[in-house]
N, C-alpha and C. Protein backbone atom coordinates (compact mmCIF):
# COMPACT_ATOMS: atom_id res chain seq x y z
N MET A 1 0.97 -1.06 -0.09
CA MET A 1 -0.10 -0.02 -0.08
C MET A 1 0.75 1.49 0.20
N LYS A 2 0.86 2.20 -0.90
CA LYS A 2 1.63 3.30 -0.96
C LYS A 2 0.63 4.58 -1.49
N VAL A 3 0.93 5.57 -0.94
CA VAL A 3 0.13 6.94 -0.83
C VAL A 3 1.27 8.10 -1.20
N HIS A 4 0.59 8.74 -2.18
CA HIS A 4 1.36 10.00 -2.71
C HIS A 4 0.85 11.08 -1.91
N TYR A 5 1.38 11.89 -1.05
CA TYR A 5 1.09 13.11 -0.25
C TYR A 5 2.03 14.27 -0.23
N ARG A 6 1.44 15.38 -0.61
CA ARG A 6 2.35 16.73 -0.81
C ARG A 6 3.76 16.27 -1.24
N GLY A 7 3.85 15.72 -2.29
CA GLY A 7 5.09 15.45 -3.08
C GLY A 7 6.16 14.32 -2.55
N SER A 8 5.53 13.77 -1.39
CA SER A 8 6.19 12.44 -0.90
C SER A 8 5.56 11.48 -1.06
N ARG A 9 6.32 10.03 -1.08
CA ARG A 9 5.40 8.93 -1.19
C ARG A 9 5.54 8.23 -0.03
N PHE A 10 4.71 7.72 0.81
CA PHE A 10 4.48 6.98 1.96
C PHE A 10 3.78 5.45 1.69
N TYR A 11 4.46 4.38 2.48
CA TYR A 11 4.13 3.21 2.12
C TYR A 11 4.20 2.52 3.26
N ILE A 12 3.39 1.24 3.21
CA ILE A 12 3.31 0.12 4.49
C ILE A 12 3.85 -1.13 3.96
N ASP A 13 4.89 -1.77 4.17
CA ASP A 13 5.51 -2.81 3.72
C ASP A 13 4.30 -4.01 3.67
N ASP A 14 4.36 -4.70 2.87
CA ASP A 14 3.48 -5.97 2.39
C ASP A 14 3.26 -6.82 3.44
N SER A 15 4.53 -6.92 4.36
CA SER A 15 4.56 -8.16 5.60
C SER A 15 4.12 -7.20 6.88
N ASP A 16 3.88 -6.24 6.90
CA ASP A 16 3.25 -5.54 7.99
C ASP A 16 1.53 -5.51 8.07
N LEU A 17 1.01 -6.72 8.44
CA LEU A 17 -0.39 -7.09 8.57
C LEU A 17 -0.95 -6.22 9.41
N GLU A 18 -0.27 -6.01 10.65
CA GLU A 18 -0.96 -4.99 11.67
C GLU A 18 -1.41 -3.53 11.22
N SER A 19 -0.29 -3.16 10.68
CA SER A 19 -0.47 -1.64 10.09
C SER A 19 -1.41 -1.52 9.01
N LYS A 20 -1.51 -2.43 8.06
CA LYS A 20 -2.29 -2.48 7.06
C LYS A 20 -3.84 -2.62 7.55
N SER A 21 -4.02 -3.47 8.55
CA SER A 21 -5.34 -3.75 8.80
C SER A 21 -6.05 -2.31 9.63
N THR A 22 -5.10 -1.78 10.26
CA THR A 22 -5.29 -0.50 11.06
C THR A 22 -5.60 0.65 10.34
N PHE A 23 -4.81 0.83 9.00
CA PHE A 23 -5.00 1.88 8.40
C PHE A 23 -6.16 1.54 7.37
N SER A 24 -6.68 0.37 7.10
CA SER A 24 -7.92 0.04 6.14
C SER A 24 -9.10 0.17 7.00
N LEU A 25 -9.06 0.43 8.34
CA LEU A 25 -10.17 0.39 9.22
C LEU A 25 -11.18 1.94 8.72
N PRO A 26 -10.37 2.85 8.77
CA PRO A 26 -11.13 4.09 8.57
C PRO A 26 -11.81 4.13 7.05
N GLY A 27 -11.09 3.54 6.01
CA GLY A 27 -11.62 3.42 4.80
C GLY A 27 -12.90 2.54 4.75
N GLN A 28 -12.76 1.49 5.50
CA GLN A 28 -14.06 0.91 5.47
C GLN A 28 -15.28 1.40 6.25
N LEU A 29 -14.85 2.39 7.37
CA LEU A 29 -15.86 3.08 7.83
C LEU A 29 -16.45 3.93 7.02
N PHE A 30 -15.60 4.89 6.26
CA PHE A 30 -16.25 5.68 5.35
C PHE A 30 -17.13 5.19 4.36
N ALA A 31 -16.71 3.87 3.99
CA ALA A 31 -17.48 3.21 2.87
C ALA A 31 -18.75 2.94 3.34
N LEU A 32 -18.87 2.32 4.68
CA LEU A 32 -20.30 1.81 5.28
C LEU A 32 -20.98 3.37 5.49
N GLN A 33 -20.42 4.36 5.78
CA GLN A 33 -21.31 5.50 6.11
C GLN A 33 -21.57 6.40 4.61
N SER A 34 -21.01 6.14 3.52
CA SER A 34 -21.45 6.60 2.42
C SER A 34 -22.42 5.96 1.54
N GLY A 35 -22.58 4.54 1.88
CA GLY A 35 -23.49 3.46 1.15
C GLY A 35 -25.08 4.33 1.40
N GLU A 36 -25.84 3.88 0.52
CA GLU A 36 -27.34 3.90 0.54
C GLU A 36 -27.84 2.97 1.28
N LEU A 37 -28.78 3.36 2.42
CA LEU A 37 -29.62 2.42 3.06
C LEU A 37 -30.84 1.87 2.06
N LYS A 38 -30.58 0.41 2.31
CA LYS A 38 -31.92 0.21 1.48
C LYS A 38 -32.71 -0.58 2.58
N SER A 39 -34.05 -0.40 2.39
CA SER A 39 -34.94 -0.80 3.69
C SER A 39 -35.67 -2.36 2.83
N SER A 40 -35.57 -3.35 3.68
CA SER A 40 -36.09 -4.64 3.34
C SER A 40 -37.07 -5.10 4.21
N ALA A 41 -37.81 -5.72 3.76
CA ALA A 41 -38.93 -6.52 4.63
C ALA A 41 -38.05 -7.62 5.30
N PRO A 42 -38.30 -7.84 6.71
CA PRO A 42 -37.75 -9.02 7.43
C PRO A 42 -38.34 -10.44 6.59
N VAL A 43 -37.27 -11.17 6.83
CA VAL A 43 -37.64 -12.37 6.35
C VAL A 43 -37.98 -13.35 7.28
N LEU A 44 -39.43 -13.88 7.17
CA LEU A 44 -40.11 -14.74 8.02
C LEU A 44 -40.30 -16.34 7.50
N THR A 45 -39.74 -17.25 8.54
CA THR A 45 -39.90 -18.81 8.00
C THR A 45 -40.76 -19.44 8.97
N LEU A 46 -41.69 -20.11 8.21
CA LEU A 46 -43.00 -20.70 9.07
C LEU A 46 -42.65 -22.16 8.54
N PRO A 47 -42.93 -23.03 9.58
CA PRO A 47 -42.94 -24.41 9.31
C PRO A 47 -44.14 -24.90 8.55
N VAL A 48 -43.67 -25.85 7.66
CA VAL A 48 -44.77 -26.50 6.79
C VAL A 48 -45.23 -27.81 7.37
N GLY A 49 -46.23 -28.28 7.69
CA GLY A 49 -46.36 -29.56 8.35
C GLY A 49 -47.73 -30.03 7.48
N ASN A 50 -47.55 -31.29 7.87
CA ASN A 50 -49.17 -31.92 7.00
C ASN A 50 -49.95 -32.42 7.87
């Protein structure tokens, strides 16, 4: 993962999984907030017997 910021490049080494997961969390949170909410009816399961 690398980012170009104000004329410099910053990166996280591929083997540094802890840092990569930490920095991916805000991106996931922003993606959740920006999504459109879909309302759906609840799923109801009824037993069918003879």
